[in-house]
Amino acid sequence: MIGTLRDAGTGIAPPRRPRAGEWLDARTDNAHTGRWDRLARNAAQTAVLIAARF
């Protein structure tokens, strides 16, 4: 999933094996899983803001 989902057509970085700590803390590796964590966090915050208006 990491290799296929991540750089689909963007060509940012070739896949590489993450080091031991990167599995635990995705924030240290922005080019990889950190981007998806940020996307999920932003989506959650947006949903909360929209729900708060109603």
C-alpha atoms as a PDB file:
ATOM      1  CA  MET A   1       0.000   0.000   0.000  1.00  0.00           C
ATOM      2  CA  ILE A   2       2.792   2.446   0.843  1.00  0.00           C
ATOM      3  CA  GLY A   3       4.466   2.212  -2.553  1.00  0.00           C
ATOM      4  CA  THR A   4       1.336   2.219  -4.691  1.00  0.00           C
ATOM      5  CA  LEU A   5      -0.961   4.616  -2.855  1.00  0.00           C
ATOM      6  CA  ARG A   6       1.663   7.176  -1.988  1.00  0.00           C
ATOM      7  CA  ASP A   7       3.393   8.438  -5.106  1.00  0.00           C
ATOM      8  CA  ALA A   8       0.774   7.620  -7.722  1.00  0.00           C
ATOM      9  CA  GLY A   9       1.879   9.877 -10.520  1.00  0.00           C
ATOM     10  CA  THR A  10       3.563  12.503  -8.352  1.00  0.00           C
ATOM     11  CA  GLY A  11       7.147  11.293  -8.684  1.00  0.00           C
ATOM     12  CA  ILE A  12       8.265  12.791  -5.391  1.00  0.00           C
ATOM     13  CA  ALA A  13      10.445  10.044  -3.959  1.00  0.00           C
ATOM     14  CA  PRO A  14      11.231   6.430  -4.781  1.00  0.00           C
ATOM     15  CA  PRO A  15      10.023   3.919  -2.215  1.00  0.00           C
ATOM     16  CA  ARG A  16      12.506   2.957   0.462  1.00  0.00           C
ATOM     17  CA  ARG A  17      12.414   0.817   3.546  1.00  0.00           C
ATOM     18  CA  PRO A  18      11.537   2.888   6.617  1.00  0.00           C
ATOM     19  CA  ARG A  19      13.856   2.734   9.584  1.00  0.00           C
ATOM     20  CA  ALA A  20      12.707   1.306  12.893  1.00  0.00           C
ATOM     21  CA  GLY A  21      11.400   4.528  14.419  1.00  0.00           C
ATOM     22  CA  GLU A  22       9.441   5.630  11.385  1.00  0.00           C
ATOM     23  CA  TRP A  23       6.823   2.918  11.815  1.00  0.00           C
ATOM     24  CA  LEU A  24       6.049   4.349  15.248  1.00  0.00           C
ATOM     25  CA  ASP A  25       6.115   8.088  14.570  1.00  0.00           C
ATOM     26  CA  ALA A  26       4.793   8.993  11.140  1.00  0.00           C
ATOM     27  CA  ARG A  27       5.364  12.705  11.771  1.00  0.00           C
ATOM     28  CA  THR A  28       9.111  12.238  11.342  1.00  0.00           C
ATOM     29  CA  ASP A  29       8.663  11.166   7.715  1.00  0.00           C
ATOM     30  CA  ASN A  30       6.590  13.748   5.886  1.00  0.00           C
ATOM     31  CA  ALA A  31       7.327  12.381   2.411  1.00  0.00           C
ATOM     32  CA  HIS A  32       5.708   9.081   3.291  1.00  0.00           C
ATOM     33  CA  THR A  33       2.948   8.254   5.759  1.00  0.00           C
ATOM     34  CA  GLY A  34       2.958  11.681   7.408  1.00  0.00           C
ATOM     35  CA  ARG A  35       1.168  13.165   4.426  1.00  0.00           C
ATOM     36  CA  TRP A  36      -1.782  10.796   4.909  1.00  0.00           C
ATOM     37  CA  ASP A  37      -1.899  11.458   8.642  1.00  0.00           C
ATOM     38  CA  ARG A  38      -2.117  15.183   7.949  1.00  0.00           C
ATOM     39  CA  LEU A  39      -4.846  14.610   5.384  1.00  0.00           C
ATOM     40  CA  ALA A  40      -6.884  12.551   7.833  1.00  0.00           C
ATOM     41  CA  ARG A  41      -6.389  15.107  10.595  1.00  0.00           C
ATOM     42  CA  ASN A  42      -7.475  17.971   8.350  1.00  0.00           C
ATOM     43  CA  ALA A  43     -10.554  16.045   7.227  1.00  0.00           C
ATOM     44  CA  ALA A  44     -11.496  15.331  10.832  1.00  0.00           C
ATOM     45  CA  GLN A  45     -11.050  18.966  11.859  1.00  0.00           C
ATOM     46  CA  THR A  46     -13.114  20.138   8.893  1.00  0.00           C
ATOM     47  CA  ALA A  47     -15.906  17.714   9.789  1.00  0.00           C
ATOM     48  CA  VAL A  48     -15.915  19.006  13.375  1.00  0.00           C
ATOM     49  CA  LEU A  49     -16.050  22.633  12.223  1.00  0.00           C
ATOM     50  CA  ILE A  50     -18.909  21.932   9.830  1.00  0.00           C
ATOM     51  CA  ALA A  51     -20.822  19.975  12.480  1.00  0.00           C
ATOM     52  CA  ALA A  52     -20.333  22.813  14.990  1.00  0.00           C
ATOM     53  CA  ARG A  53     -22.214  25.222  12.723  1.00  0.00           C
ATOM     54  CA  PHE A  54     -25.403  23.149  12.854  1.00  0.00           C
END
